[in-house]
Amino acid sequence: MASWLLSDSRGYEEILRRFSQMLEDGRHIFDAAANALLGGTDTEIIRADLFATDQRINETEQQIRRLIVVHGSVHGAQSFPSLLVMMSLVKDAERIGDYAKNLFDLATAKPSLGGDEDRSKLVELKDQVSTLLVRGRNIHESQDAEAARAFLSDADRVQDACDALLARFIGLEGENAAARALTLRYFKRVASHVSNVVTALVMPLDKLDFFDEP
């Protein structure tokens, strides 16, 4: 378990509070963008909120970096491992917002996403990724290592499902499946980044992001 996250330092508490907000903001704009793409929500209705939320994610990342510098200066070398972990995690949280923007840009193009069956599968995967984002934030706040391991297994299955469906779309003949392929790519990357966040509870610093590697 990542015992460094249990520190009673006020500096850590503030870092973790802001980080948790980054994850919630990422979930919010992922849902908004993915629902616009798959459900037909008017992109102009969500544009201002989506980009304002993404800007808040970026600003929070910068705030956390400043807090990390201050905390390291005050507490010295013994705090460096935990601060290095947090520096990595905030980048993962920031990337979730970037992929949400990618989904939004795709939605503005109003691409073909295939027939009802293909769209239904994409909606199912979207819902699973959204659930991962909620679970990832909750697990990070609760510091439940057992739940983290179960989460990482579930996240792997979602990513494998994205790969399997992507392989089918790539193999289609006579259809332009580019938008479907991009959608799956973005879904998988969001699932991967939230998985990276959760690995901090069960892996040492040098193995961070490599939970499923042999």
N, C-alpha and C. Protein backbone atom coordinates (compact mmCIF):
# COMPACT_ATOMS: atom_id res chain seq x y z
N MET A 1 0.85 -1.20 0.00
CA MET A 1 0.00 0.00 0.00
C MET A 1 0.88 1.25 0.00
N ALA A 2 0.43 2.28 -0.65
CA ALA A 2 1.21 3.52 -0.73
C ALA A 2 1.09 4.28 0.59
N SER A 3 1.92 3.89 1.57
CA SER A 3 1.78 4.48 2.91
C SER A 3 2.09 5.96 2.92
N TRP A 4 2.86 6.43 1.93
CA TRP A 4 3.16 7.86 1.90
C TRP A 4 1.91 8.70 1.74
N LEU A 5 0.86 8.11 1.17
CA LEU A 5 -0.37 8.87 0.96
C LEU A 5 -1.15 9.05 2.26
N LEU A 6 -0.74 8.33 3.29
CA LEU A 6 -1.43 8.42 4.56
C LEU A 6 -0.81 9.46 5.48
N SER A 7 0.16 10.19 4.98
CA SER A 7 0.82 11.21 5.79
C SER A 7 -0.21 12.21 6.32
N ASP A 8 0.02 12.66 7.55
CA ASP A 8 -0.89 13.64 8.13
C ASP A 8 -0.42 15.07 7.86
N SER A 9 0.58 15.21 6.99
CA SER A 9 1.06 16.53 6.63
C SER A 9 -0.05 17.34 5.96
N ARG A 10 -0.20 18.57 6.39
CA ARG A 10 -1.21 19.43 5.76
C ARG A 10 -0.89 19.68 4.30
N GLY A 11 0.42 19.73 3.99
CA GLY A 11 0.80 19.92 2.60
C GLY A 11 0.32 18.78 1.73
N TYR A 12 0.50 17.54 2.19
CA TYR A 12 0.01 16.38 1.45
C TYR A 12 -1.50 16.40 1.34
N GLU A 13 -2.15 16.74 2.41
CA GLU A 13 -3.61 16.77 2.39
C GLU A 13 -4.12 17.73 1.32
N GLU A 14 -3.48 18.87 1.20
CA GLU A 14 -3.90 19.85 0.20
C GLU A 14 -3.60 19.34 -1.21
N ILE A 15 -2.46 18.72 -1.40
CA ILE A 15 -2.12 18.15 -2.70
C ILE A 15 -3.14 17.10 -3.10
N LEU A 16 -3.47 16.20 -2.16
CA LEU A 16 -4.41 15.12 -2.47
C LEU A 16 -5.82 15.65 -2.71
N ARG A 17 -6.20 16.68 -1.99
CA ARG A 17 -7.52 17.27 -2.20
C ARG A 17 -7.63 17.83 -3.61
N ARG A 18 -6.62 18.55 -4.03
CA ARG A 18 -6.65 19.13 -5.36
C ARG A 18 -6.56 18.05 -6.44
N PHE A 19 -5.78 17.03 -6.16
CA PHE A 19 -5.66 15.95 -7.12
C PHE A 19 -6.99 15.23 -7.31
N SER A 20 -7.70 15.02 -6.22
CA SER A 20 -9.01 14.39 -6.30
C SER A 20 -9.96 15.22 -7.15
N GLN A 21 -9.87 16.55 -7.05
CA GLN A 21 -10.70 17.41 -7.87
C GLN A 21 -10.32 17.30 -9.34
N MET A 22 -9.04 17.13 -9.63
CA MET A 22 -8.61 16.91 -11.02
C MET A 22 -9.28 15.67 -11.60
N LEU A 23 -9.31 14.59 -10.82
CA LEU A 23 -9.93 13.35 -11.30
C LEU A 23 -11.42 13.53 -11.53
N GLU A 24 -12.08 14.24 -10.63
CA GLU A 24 -13.52 14.48 -10.80
C GLU A 24 -13.78 15.35 -12.03
N ASP A 25 -12.96 16.37 -12.23
CA ASP A 25 -13.13 17.21 -13.42
C ASP A 25 -12.89 16.40 -14.69
N GLY A 26 -11.93 15.50 -14.65
CA GLY A 26 -11.67 14.66 -15.82
C GLY A 26 -12.85 13.77 -16.14
N ARG A 27 -13.45 13.19 -15.09
CA ARG A 27 -14.64 12.37 -15.32
C ARG A 27 -15.77 13.18 -15.91
N HIS A 28 -15.93 14.39 -15.42
CA HIS A 28 -17.01 15.26 -15.89
C HIS A 28 -16.87 15.55 -17.38
N ILE A 29 -15.70 15.95 -17.82
CA ILE A 29 -15.58 16.32 -19.23
C ILE A 29 -15.48 15.09 -20.13
N PHE A 30 -15.01 13.97 -19.61
CA PHE A 30 -15.07 12.74 -20.41
C PHE A 30 -16.52 12.39 -20.69
N ASP A 31 -17.35 12.39 -19.66
CA ASP A 31 -18.76 12.07 -19.85
C ASP A 31 -19.43 13.03 -20.82
N ALA A 32 -19.14 14.32 -20.66
CA ALA A 32 -19.77 15.32 -21.52
C ALA A 32 -19.38 15.10 -22.98
N ALA A 33 -18.09 14.92 -23.23
CA ALA A 33 -17.61 14.76 -24.60
C ALA A 33 -18.07 13.45 -25.21
N ALA A 34 -17.96 12.36 -24.46
CA ALA A 34 -18.36 11.06 -24.98
C ALA A 34 -19.86 11.00 -25.24
N ASN A 35 -20.65 11.62 -24.39
CA ASN A 35 -22.10 11.65 -24.61
C ASN A 35 -22.46 12.49 -25.83
N ALA A 36 -21.70 13.55 -26.06
CA ALA A 36 -21.93 14.35 -27.27
C ALA A 36 -21.63 13.54 -28.51
N LEU A 37 -20.55 12.77 -28.46
CA LEU A 37 -20.16 11.95 -29.61
C LEU A 37 -21.15 10.84 -29.89
N LEU A 38 -21.54 10.14 -28.83
CA LEU A 38 -22.37 8.94 -29.02
C LEU A 38 -23.86 9.20 -28.89
N GLY A 39 -24.22 10.27 -28.19
CA GLY A 39 -25.63 10.53 -27.97
C GLY A 39 -26.19 11.69 -28.76
N GLY A 40 -25.31 12.42 -29.44
CA GLY A 40 -25.79 13.50 -30.29
C GLY A 40 -26.04 14.81 -29.59
N THR A 41 -25.55 14.98 -28.35
CA THR A 41 -25.68 16.26 -27.68
C THR A 41 -25.04 17.36 -28.53
N ASP A 42 -25.70 18.50 -28.62
CA ASP A 42 -25.15 19.63 -29.36
C ASP A 42 -23.83 20.05 -28.73
N THR A 43 -22.74 19.98 -29.48
CA THR A 43 -21.42 20.29 -28.93
C THR A 43 -21.32 21.73 -28.45
N GLU A 44 -22.09 22.63 -29.07
CA GLU A 44 -22.02 24.03 -28.66
C GLU A 44 -22.60 24.25 -27.27
N ILE A 45 -23.49 23.36 -26.86
CA ILE A 45 -24.09 23.48 -25.53
C ILE A 45 -23.06 23.19 -24.45
N ILE A 46 -22.14 22.28 -24.72
CA ILE A 46 -21.18 21.88 -23.70
C ILE A 46 -19.80 22.51 -23.90
N ARG A 47 -19.60 23.21 -25.00
CA ARG A 47 -18.26 23.71 -25.33
C ARG A 47 -17.65 24.56 -24.20
N ALA A 48 -18.38 25.57 -23.77
CA ALA A 48 -17.82 26.50 -22.79
C ALA A 48 -17.47 25.78 -21.49
N ASP A 49 -18.38 24.94 -21.00
CA ASP A 49 -18.13 24.22 -19.76
C ASP A 49 -16.96 23.25 -19.91
N LEU A 50 -16.90 22.56 -21.04
CA LEU A 50 -15.84 21.58 -21.24
C LEU A 50 -14.47 22.24 -21.23
N PHE A 51 -14.32 23.33 -21.97
CA PHE A 51 -13.01 23.96 -22.04
C PHE A 51 -12.65 24.70 -20.75
N ALA A 52 -13.66 25.22 -20.06
CA ALA A 52 -13.39 25.86 -18.77
C ALA A 52 -12.94 24.81 -17.75
N THR A 53 -13.56 23.64 -17.79
CA THR A 53 -13.16 22.57 -16.88
C THR A 53 -11.77 22.07 -17.20
N ASP A 54 -11.47 21.93 -18.49
CA ASP A 54 -10.12 21.51 -18.87
C ASP A 54 -9.09 22.54 -18.42
N GLN A 55 -9.42 23.81 -18.54
CA GLN A 55 -8.51 24.85 -18.08
C GLN A 55 -8.29 24.74 -16.57
N ARG A 56 -9.36 24.41 -15.83
CA ARG A 56 -9.23 24.25 -14.39
C ARG A 56 -8.32 23.06 -14.07
N ILE A 57 -8.44 21.99 -14.84
CA ILE A 57 -7.54 20.84 -14.65
C ILE A 57 -6.09 21.27 -14.82
N ASN A 58 -5.81 22.02 -15.88
CA ASN A 58 -4.45 22.47 -16.14
C ASN A 58 -3.94 23.39 -15.02
N GLU A 59 -4.80 24.28 -14.57
CA GLU A 59 -4.40 25.19 -13.48
C GLU A 59 -4.15 24.43 -12.19
N THR A 60 -4.98 23.41 -11.93
CA THR A 60 -4.79 22.61 -10.72
C THR A 60 -3.48 21.84 -10.78
N GLU A 61 -3.16 21.32 -11.97
CA GLU A 61 -1.87 20.64 -12.11
C GLU A 61 -0.72 21.58 -11.78
N GLN A 62 -0.79 22.81 -12.24
CA GLN A 62 0.26 23.79 -11.96
C GLN A 62 0.32 24.12 -10.47
N GLN A 63 -0.85 24.23 -9.85
CA GLN A 63 -0.90 24.50 -8.41
C GLN A 63 -0.26 23.36 -7.62
N ILE A 64 -0.57 22.13 -8.02
CA ILE A 64 0.00 20.97 -7.33
C ILE A 64 1.52 20.94 -7.51
N ARG A 65 1.99 21.27 -8.70
CA ARG A 65 3.44 21.30 -8.90
C ARG A 65 4.10 22.31 -7.96
N ARG A 66 3.46 23.46 -7.79
CA ARG A 66 4.04 24.46 -6.88
C ARG A 66 4.02 23.95 -5.44
N LEU A 67 2.94 23.30 -5.06
CA LEU A 67 2.87 22.73 -3.71
C LEU A 67 3.94 21.65 -3.51
N ILE A 68 4.18 20.88 -4.55
CA ILE A 68 5.21 19.84 -4.47
C ILE A 68 6.58 20.46 -4.22
N VAL A 69 6.88 21.53 -4.94
CA VAL A 69 8.16 22.20 -4.76
C VAL A 69 8.30 22.73 -3.33
N VAL A 70 7.24 23.35 -2.84
CA VAL A 70 7.27 23.90 -1.48
C VAL A 70 7.43 22.77 -0.47
N HIS A 71 6.66 21.70 -0.64
CA HIS A 71 6.72 20.60 0.32
C HIS A 71 8.11 19.98 0.33
N GLY A 72 8.69 19.78 -0.86
CA GLY A 72 10.02 19.21 -0.92
C GLY A 72 11.06 20.10 -0.27
N SER A 73 10.90 21.40 -0.43
CA SER A 73 11.84 22.33 0.18
C SER A 73 11.78 22.29 1.70
N VAL A 74 10.57 22.09 2.22
CA VAL A 74 10.38 22.10 3.67
C VAL A 74 10.80 20.76 4.29
N HIS A 75 10.41 19.65 3.66
CA HIS A 75 10.59 18.34 4.28
C HIS A 75 11.84 17.60 3.82
N GLY A 76 12.48 18.08 2.77
CA GLY A 76 13.76 17.52 2.39
C GLY A 76 13.68 16.20 1.64
N ALA A 77 14.84 15.51 1.60
CA ALA A 77 15.01 14.33 0.75
C ALA A 77 14.04 13.20 1.07
N GLN A 78 13.63 13.06 2.34
CA GLN A 78 12.76 11.95 2.70
C GLN A 78 11.40 12.05 2.01
N SER A 79 11.03 13.23 1.53
CA SER A 79 9.73 13.40 0.88
C SER A 79 9.81 13.21 -0.63
N PHE A 80 11.02 13.08 -1.18
CA PHE A 80 11.16 13.06 -2.64
C PHE A 80 10.46 11.88 -3.32
N PRO A 81 10.53 10.65 -2.80
CA PRO A 81 9.82 9.55 -3.49
C PRO A 81 8.33 9.81 -3.65
N SER A 82 7.69 10.27 -2.58
CA SER A 82 6.26 10.51 -2.66
C SER A 82 5.95 11.66 -3.62
N LEU A 83 6.82 12.66 -3.64
CA LEU A 83 6.59 13.80 -4.52
C LEU A 83 6.78 13.41 -5.98
N LEU A 84 7.74 12.51 -6.25
CA LEU A 84 7.93 12.03 -7.61
C LEU A 84 6.70 11.25 -8.08
N VAL A 85 6.13 10.44 -7.19
CA VAL A 85 4.92 9.71 -7.53
C VAL A 85 3.80 10.68 -7.87
N MET A 86 3.60 11.68 -7.03
CA MET A 86 2.51 12.62 -7.27
C MET A 86 2.72 13.40 -8.57
N MET A 87 3.96 13.73 -8.88
CA MET A 87 4.24 14.43 -10.13
C MET A 87 3.79 13.59 -11.32
N SER A 88 4.02 12.28 -11.23
CA SER A 88 3.58 11.38 -12.30
C SER A 88 2.06 11.28 -12.36
N LEU A 89 1.43 11.20 -11.20
CA LEU A 89 -0.02 11.02 -11.17
C LEU A 89 -0.76 12.23 -11.72
N VAL A 90 -0.29 13.43 -11.42
CA VAL A 90 -1.01 14.61 -11.91
C VAL A 90 -0.93 14.70 -13.42
N LYS A 91 0.16 14.19 -14.01
CA LYS A 91 0.24 14.18 -15.47
C LYS A 91 -0.78 13.21 -16.06
N ASP A 92 -0.97 12.06 -15.40
CA ASP A 92 -2.01 11.14 -15.87
C ASP A 92 -3.38 11.79 -15.79
N ALA A 93 -3.66 12.47 -14.69
CA ALA A 93 -4.97 13.13 -14.54
C ALA A 93 -5.16 14.21 -15.59
N GLU A 94 -4.09 14.93 -15.90
CA GLU A 94 -4.18 15.99 -16.92
C GLU A 94 -4.44 15.40 -18.29
N ARG A 95 -3.87 14.23 -18.58
CA ARG A 95 -4.05 13.61 -19.89
C ARG A 95 -5.48 13.14 -20.10
N ILE A 96 -6.18 12.79 -19.03
CA ILE A 96 -7.58 12.42 -19.17
C ILE A 96 -8.36 13.58 -19.78
N GLY A 97 -8.08 14.79 -19.31
CA GLY A 97 -8.73 15.96 -19.88
C GLY A 97 -8.39 16.15 -21.35
N ASP A 98 -7.15 15.87 -21.72
CA ASP A 98 -6.75 16.01 -23.12
C ASP A 98 -7.53 15.05 -24.02
N TYR A 99 -7.69 13.81 -23.57
CA TYR A 99 -8.43 12.85 -24.39
C TYR A 99 -9.92 13.19 -24.44
N ALA A 100 -10.44 13.78 -23.39
CA ALA A 100 -11.82 14.26 -23.44
C ALA A 100 -11.97 15.32 -24.52
N LYS A 101 -10.98 16.21 -24.63
CA LYS A 101 -11.03 17.22 -25.70
C LYS A 101 -10.93 16.57 -27.07
N ASN A 102 -10.15 15.51 -27.19
CA ASN A 102 -10.08 14.78 -28.46
C ASN A 102 -11.45 14.22 -28.83
N LEU A 103 -12.14 13.67 -27.85
CA LEU A 103 -13.48 13.15 -28.11
C LEU A 103 -14.43 14.27 -28.50
N PHE A 104 -14.30 15.41 -27.86
CA PHE A 104 -15.14 16.56 -28.21
C PHE A 104 -14.87 17.00 -29.65
N ASP A 105 -13.61 17.10 -30.02
CA ASP A 105 -13.28 17.49 -31.39
C ASP A 105 -13.86 16.51 -32.40
N LEU A 106 -13.82 15.22 -32.06
CA LEU A 106 -14.40 14.21 -32.94
C LEU A 106 -15.91 14.40 -33.03
N ALA A 107 -16.53 14.71 -31.91
CA ALA A 107 -17.98 14.90 -31.90
C ALA A 107 -18.39 16.08 -32.76
N THR A 108 -17.58 17.14 -32.79
CA THR A 108 -17.94 18.32 -33.60
C THR A 108 -17.97 17.99 -35.08
N ALA A 109 -17.23 16.94 -35.49
CA ALA A 109 -17.21 16.54 -36.90
C ALA A 109 -18.43 15.71 -37.28
N LYS A 110 -19.21 15.30 -36.29
CA LYS A 110 -20.40 14.48 -36.51
C LYS A 110 -20.11 13.29 -37.43
N PRO A 111 -19.17 12.44 -37.03
CA PRO A 111 -18.77 11.33 -37.89
C PRO A 111 -19.75 10.17 -37.85
N SER A 112 -19.64 9.32 -38.83
CA SER A 112 -20.41 8.09 -38.82
C SER A 112 -19.77 7.11 -37.84
N LEU A 113 -20.58 6.52 -36.99
CA LEU A 113 -20.08 5.54 -36.03
C LEU A 113 -20.68 4.17 -36.28
N GLY A 114 -21.08 3.94 -37.52
CA GLY A 114 -21.61 2.63 -37.88
C GLY A 114 -23.08 2.49 -37.54
N GLY A 115 -23.53 1.26 -37.56
CA GLY A 115 -24.93 0.98 -37.29
C GLY A 115 -25.24 0.90 -35.81
N ASP A 116 -26.46 0.50 -35.52
CA ASP A 116 -26.90 0.46 -34.13
C ASP A 116 -26.06 -0.49 -33.28
N GLU A 117 -25.65 -1.62 -33.86
CA GLU A 117 -24.87 -2.59 -33.09
C GLU A 117 -23.52 -2.01 -32.69
N ASP A 118 -22.84 -1.39 -33.64
CA ASP A 118 -21.53 -0.81 -33.34
C ASP A 118 -21.65 0.33 -32.34
N ARG A 119 -22.65 1.17 -32.55
CA ARG A 119 -22.84 2.29 -31.63
C ARG A 119 -23.17 1.79 -30.22
N SER A 120 -23.95 0.73 -30.14
CA SER A 120 -24.30 0.17 -28.83
C SER A 120 -23.07 -0.34 -28.10
N LYS A 121 -22.15 -0.96 -28.83
CA LYS A 121 -20.92 -1.45 -28.21
C LYS A 121 -20.05 -0.30 -27.74
N LEU A 122 -20.01 0.77 -28.51
CA LEU A 122 -19.24 1.94 -28.10
C LEU A 122 -19.84 2.58 -26.85
N VAL A 123 -21.16 2.65 -26.79
CA VAL A 123 -21.83 3.21 -25.61
C VAL A 123 -21.52 2.35 -24.38
N GLU A 124 -21.55 1.04 -24.55
CA GLU A 124 -21.24 0.14 -23.44
C GLU A 124 -19.83 0.37 -22.92
N LEU A 125 -18.88 0.51 -23.82
CA LEU A 125 -17.50 0.75 -23.40
C LEU A 125 -17.35 2.13 -22.77
N LYS A 126 -18.05 3.11 -23.32
CA LYS A 126 -18.03 4.46 -22.72
C LYS A 126 -18.50 4.41 -21.29
N ASP A 127 -19.58 3.69 -21.03
CA ASP A 127 -20.11 3.59 -19.67
C ASP A 127 -19.10 2.90 -18.75
N GLN A 128 -18.41 1.90 -19.26
CA GLN A 128 -17.42 1.20 -18.45
C GLN A 128 -16.24 2.11 -18.11
N VAL A 129 -15.79 2.90 -19.08
CA VAL A 129 -14.69 3.83 -18.81
C VAL A 129 -15.12 4.88 -17.80
N SER A 130 -16.33 5.40 -17.94
CA SER A 130 -16.84 6.38 -16.99
C SER A 130 -16.88 5.81 -15.58
N THR A 131 -17.30 4.56 -15.47
CA THR A 131 -17.34 3.89 -14.17
C THR A 131 -15.93 3.75 -13.59
N LEU A 132 -14.96 3.43 -14.45
CA LEU A 132 -13.58 3.35 -14.00
C LEU A 132 -13.10 4.68 -13.43
N LEU A 133 -13.48 5.77 -14.07
CA LEU A 133 -13.06 7.08 -13.58
C LEU A 133 -13.62 7.36 -12.18
N VAL A 134 -14.87 6.99 -11.97
CA VAL A 134 -15.47 7.18 -10.65
C VAL A 134 -14.80 6.28 -9.62
N ARG A 135 -14.63 5.01 -9.97
CA ARG A 135 -14.00 4.06 -9.05
C ARG A 135 -12.56 4.46 -8.75
N GLY A 136 -11.84 4.91 -9.78
CA GLY A 136 -10.45 5.29 -9.58
C GLY A 136 -10.30 6.40 -8.57
N ARG A 137 -11.16 7.40 -8.69
CA ARG A 137 -11.10 8.49 -7.73
C ARG A 137 -11.45 8.00 -6.33
N ASN A 138 -12.49 7.20 -6.21
CA ASN A 138 -12.90 6.72 -4.89
C ASN A 138 -11.83 5.86 -4.24
N ILE A 139 -11.19 5.01 -5.04
CA ILE A 139 -10.14 4.13 -4.51
C ILE A 139 -8.95 4.96 -4.07
N HIS A 140 -8.61 5.96 -4.85
CA HIS A 140 -7.48 6.79 -4.48
C HIS A 140 -7.75 7.52 -3.17
N GLU A 141 -8.98 7.93 -2.96
CA GLU A 141 -9.32 8.62 -1.72
C GLU A 141 -9.37 7.66 -0.53
N SER A 142 -9.85 6.45 -0.76
CA SER A 142 -9.99 5.49 0.34
C SER A 142 -8.70 4.74 0.64
N GLN A 143 -7.77 4.72 -0.32
CA GLN A 143 -6.50 4.01 -0.16
C GLN A 143 -6.72 2.52 0.10
N ASP A 144 -7.68 1.94 -0.60
CA ASP A 144 -8.00 0.53 -0.44
C ASP A 144 -7.19 -0.29 -1.45
N ALA A 145 -6.12 -0.92 -0.97
CA ALA A 145 -5.23 -1.65 -1.87
C ALA A 145 -5.92 -2.85 -2.52
N GLU A 146 -6.77 -3.55 -1.76
CA GLU A 146 -7.49 -4.70 -2.32
C GLU A 146 -8.42 -4.24 -3.44
N ALA A 147 -9.12 -3.15 -3.21
CA ALA A 147 -10.00 -2.62 -4.25
C ALA A 147 -9.18 -2.15 -5.46
N ALA A 148 -7.98 -1.65 -5.20
CA ALA A 148 -7.12 -1.20 -6.29
C ALA A 148 -6.74 -2.36 -7.20
N ARG A 149 -6.39 -3.50 -6.62
CA ARG A 149 -6.03 -4.65 -7.44
C ARG A 149 -7.21 -5.14 -8.27
N ALA A 150 -8.39 -5.17 -7.68
CA ALA A 150 -9.58 -5.56 -8.43
C ALA A 150 -9.86 -4.57 -9.55
N PHE A 151 -9.69 -3.30 -9.24
CA PHE A 151 -9.89 -2.25 -10.24
C PHE A 151 -8.96 -2.45 -11.43
N LEU A 152 -7.69 -2.70 -11.15
CA LEU A 152 -6.71 -2.82 -12.24
C LEU A 152 -7.03 -4.01 -13.13
N SER A 153 -7.52 -5.08 -12.56
CA SER A 153 -7.94 -6.22 -13.38
C SER A 153 -9.12 -5.85 -14.26
N ASP A 154 -10.09 -5.13 -13.70
CA ASP A 154 -11.25 -4.70 -14.47
C ASP A 154 -10.83 -3.72 -15.58
N ALA A 155 -9.92 -2.82 -15.25
CA ALA A 155 -9.46 -1.85 -16.24
C ALA A 155 -8.76 -2.56 -17.39
N ASP A 156 -7.99 -3.60 -17.09
CA ASP A 156 -7.34 -4.37 -18.14
C ASP A 156 -8.37 -4.99 -19.08
N ARG A 157 -9.46 -5.49 -18.51
CA ARG A 157 -10.50 -6.10 -19.34
C ARG A 157 -11.16 -5.06 -20.25
N VAL A 158 -11.37 -3.86 -19.74
CA VAL A 158 -11.94 -2.80 -20.58
C VAL A 158 -11.00 -2.46 -21.73
N GLN A 159 -9.71 -2.34 -21.42
CA GLN A 159 -8.75 -2.03 -22.46
C GLN A 159 -8.66 -3.16 -23.49
N ASP A 160 -8.72 -4.40 -23.03
CA ASP A 160 -8.72 -5.54 -23.96
C ASP A 160 -9.96 -5.52 -24.85
N ALA A 161 -11.09 -5.14 -24.28
CA ALA A 161 -12.33 -5.05 -25.08
C ALA A 161 -12.21 -3.97 -26.14
N CYS A 162 -11.56 -2.86 -25.79
CA CYS A 162 -11.32 -1.81 -26.78
C CYS A 162 -10.44 -2.33 -27.92
N ASP A 163 -9.40 -3.08 -27.57
CA ASP A 163 -8.50 -3.62 -28.58
C ASP A 163 -9.23 -4.61 -29.49
N ALA A 164 -10.05 -5.45 -28.91
CA ALA A 164 -10.76 -6.46 -29.69
C ALA A 164 -11.72 -5.81 -30.69
N LEU A 165 -12.46 -4.82 -30.22
CA LEU A 165 -13.40 -4.15 -31.11
C LEU A 165 -12.66 -3.34 -32.17
N LEU A 166 -11.54 -2.74 -31.78
CA LEU A 166 -10.74 -1.99 -32.73
C LEU A 166 -10.24 -2.90 -33.84
N ALA A 167 -9.79 -4.09 -33.50
CA ALA A 167 -9.30 -5.04 -34.50
C ALA A 167 -10.41 -5.37 -35.51
N ARG A 168 -11.63 -5.49 -35.00
CA ARG A 168 -12.75 -5.79 -35.92
C ARG A 168 -13.02 -4.62 -36.85
N PHE A 169 -13.00 -3.42 -36.30
CA PHE A 169 -13.25 -2.24 -37.13
C PHE A 169 -12.17 -2.07 -38.19
N ILE A 170 -10.93 -2.31 -37.81
CA ILE A 170 -9.83 -2.15 -38.77
C ILE A 170 -9.97 -3.14 -39.92
N GLY A 171 -10.54 -4.30 -39.61
CA GLY A 171 -10.68 -5.34 -40.63
C GLY A 171 -11.88 -5.18 -41.54
N LEU A 172 -12.70 -4.16 -41.30
CA LEU A 172 -13.87 -3.96 -42.14
C LEU A 172 -13.46 -3.56 -43.56
N GLU A 173 -14.20 -4.06 -44.52
CA GLU A 173 -13.95 -3.71 -45.92
C GLU A 173 -15.13 -2.88 -46.44
N GLY A 174 -14.82 -1.84 -47.17
CA GLY A 174 -15.86 -1.03 -47.78
C GLY A 174 -16.52 -0.06 -46.83
N GLU A 175 -15.96 0.12 -45.62
CA GLU A 175 -16.50 1.07 -44.66
C GLU A 175 -15.39 1.96 -44.13
N ASN A 176 -15.73 3.20 -43.84
CA ASN A 176 -14.78 4.10 -43.20
C ASN A 176 -15.03 4.02 -41.70
N ALA A 177 -14.16 3.28 -41.03
CA ALA A 177 -14.32 3.08 -39.58
C ALA A 177 -13.34 3.94 -38.79
N ALA A 178 -12.81 4.99 -39.41
CA ALA A 178 -11.79 5.81 -38.74
C ALA A 178 -12.31 6.41 -37.45
N ALA A 179 -13.54 6.94 -37.46
CA ALA A 179 -14.08 7.58 -36.26
C ALA A 179 -14.28 6.58 -35.14
N ARG A 180 -14.72 5.39 -35.49
CA ARG A 180 -14.89 4.35 -34.47
C ARG A 180 -13.54 3.95 -33.89
N ALA A 181 -12.54 3.85 -34.75
CA ALA A 181 -11.20 3.48 -34.28
C ALA A 181 -10.63 4.54 -33.34
N LEU A 182 -10.81 5.81 -33.71
CA LEU A 182 -10.32 6.89 -32.85
C LEU A 182 -11.04 6.90 -31.51
N THR A 183 -12.35 6.69 -31.55
CA THR A 183 -13.12 6.65 -30.31
C THR A 183 -12.59 5.59 -29.37
N LEU A 184 -12.34 4.41 -29.90
CA LEU A 184 -11.82 3.32 -29.07
C LEU A 184 -10.43 3.65 -28.55
N ARG A 185 -9.63 4.26 -29.39
CA ARG A 185 -8.28 4.64 -28.96
C ARG A 185 -8.34 5.61 -27.78
N TYR A 186 -9.22 6.60 -27.88
CA TYR A 186 -9.34 7.57 -26.80
C TYR A 186 -9.90 6.92 -25.54
N PHE A 187 -10.88 6.04 -25.69
CA PHE A 187 -11.43 5.33 -24.53
C PHE A 187 -10.32 4.54 -23.83
N LYS A 188 -9.54 3.81 -24.61
CA LYS A 188 -8.49 2.98 -24.02
C LYS A 188 -7.46 3.84 -23.29
N ARG A 189 -7.10 4.98 -23.88
CA ARG A 189 -6.09 5.82 -23.24
C ARG A 189 -6.62 6.41 -21.93
N VAL A 190 -7.88 6.79 -21.88
CA VAL A 190 -8.44 7.29 -20.63
C VAL A 190 -8.41 6.18 -19.57
N ALA A 191 -8.82 4.98 -19.95
CA ALA A 191 -8.78 3.85 -19.01
C ALA A 191 -7.36 3.59 -18.54
N SER A 192 -6.39 3.72 -19.44
CA SER A 192 -5.00 3.50 -19.09
C SER A 192 -4.49 4.54 -18.10
N HIS A 193 -4.85 5.80 -18.30
CA HIS A 193 -4.37 6.84 -17.41
C HIS A 193 -4.97 6.73 -16.01
N VAL A 194 -6.24 6.39 -15.92
CA VAL A 194 -6.81 6.24 -14.58
C VAL A 194 -6.23 4.99 -13.91
N SER A 195 -5.89 3.97 -14.69
CA SER A 195 -5.21 2.80 -14.13
C SER A 195 -3.85 3.18 -13.56
N ASN A 196 -3.14 4.05 -14.27
CA ASN A 196 -1.84 4.50 -13.78
C ASN A 196 -1.97 5.17 -12.42
N VAL A 197 -3.04 5.94 -12.25
CA VAL A 197 -3.28 6.59 -10.96
C VAL A 197 -3.43 5.56 -9.85
N VAL A 198 -4.19 4.51 -10.13
CA VAL A 198 -4.46 3.51 -9.11
C VAL A 198 -3.24 2.64 -8.81
N THR A 199 -2.33 2.47 -9.76
CA THR A 199 -1.14 1.65 -9.50
C THR A 199 -0.33 2.19 -8.33
N ALA A 200 -0.45 3.47 -8.03
CA ALA A 200 0.32 4.05 -6.93
C ALA A 200 0.00 3.39 -5.60
N LEU A 201 -1.15 2.75 -5.49
CA LEU A 201 -1.54 2.12 -4.23
C LEU A 201 -0.92 0.73 -4.06
N VAL A 202 -0.45 0.13 -5.15
CA VAL A 202 -0.01 -1.26 -5.06
C VAL A 202 1.38 -1.50 -5.62
N MET A 203 2.01 -0.50 -6.21
CA MET A 203 3.31 -0.68 -6.84
C MET A 203 4.31 0.34 -6.29
N PRO A 204 5.59 -0.06 -6.20
CA PRO A 204 6.62 0.90 -5.80
C PRO A 204 6.87 1.91 -6.92
N LEU A 205 7.61 2.95 -6.59
CA LEU A 205 7.84 4.05 -7.53
C LEU A 205 8.38 3.58 -8.87
N ASP A 206 9.38 2.68 -8.85
CA ASP A 206 10.00 2.27 -10.11
C ASP A 206 9.08 1.43 -10.98
N LYS A 207 8.02 0.86 -10.39
CA LYS A 207 7.08 0.03 -11.14
C LYS A 207 5.78 0.77 -11.44
N LEU A 208 5.71 2.02 -11.11
CA LEU A 208 4.50 2.78 -11.35
C LEU A 208 4.14 2.73 -12.83
N ASP A 209 2.87 2.47 -13.13
CA ASP A 209 2.34 2.36 -14.50
C ASP A 209 2.59 1.00 -15.13
N PHE A 210 3.25 0.07 -14.40
CA PHE A 210 3.61 -1.20 -15.01
C PHE A 210 2.98 -2.38 -14.27
N PHE A 211 1.77 -2.19 -13.75
CA PHE A 211 1.11 -3.23 -12.96
C PHE A 211 0.93 -4.51 -13.75
N ASP A 212 0.59 -4.40 -15.05
CA ASP A 212 0.26 -5.58 -15.84
C ASP A 212 1.43 -6.06 -16.70
N GLU A 213 2.62 -5.51 -16.47
CA GLU A 213 3.77 -5.94 -17.26
C GLU A 213 4.45 -7.12 -16.58
N PRO A 214 4.95 -8.10 -17.38
CA PRO A 214 5.64 -9.26 -16.78
C PRO A 214 6.95 -8.83 -16.14
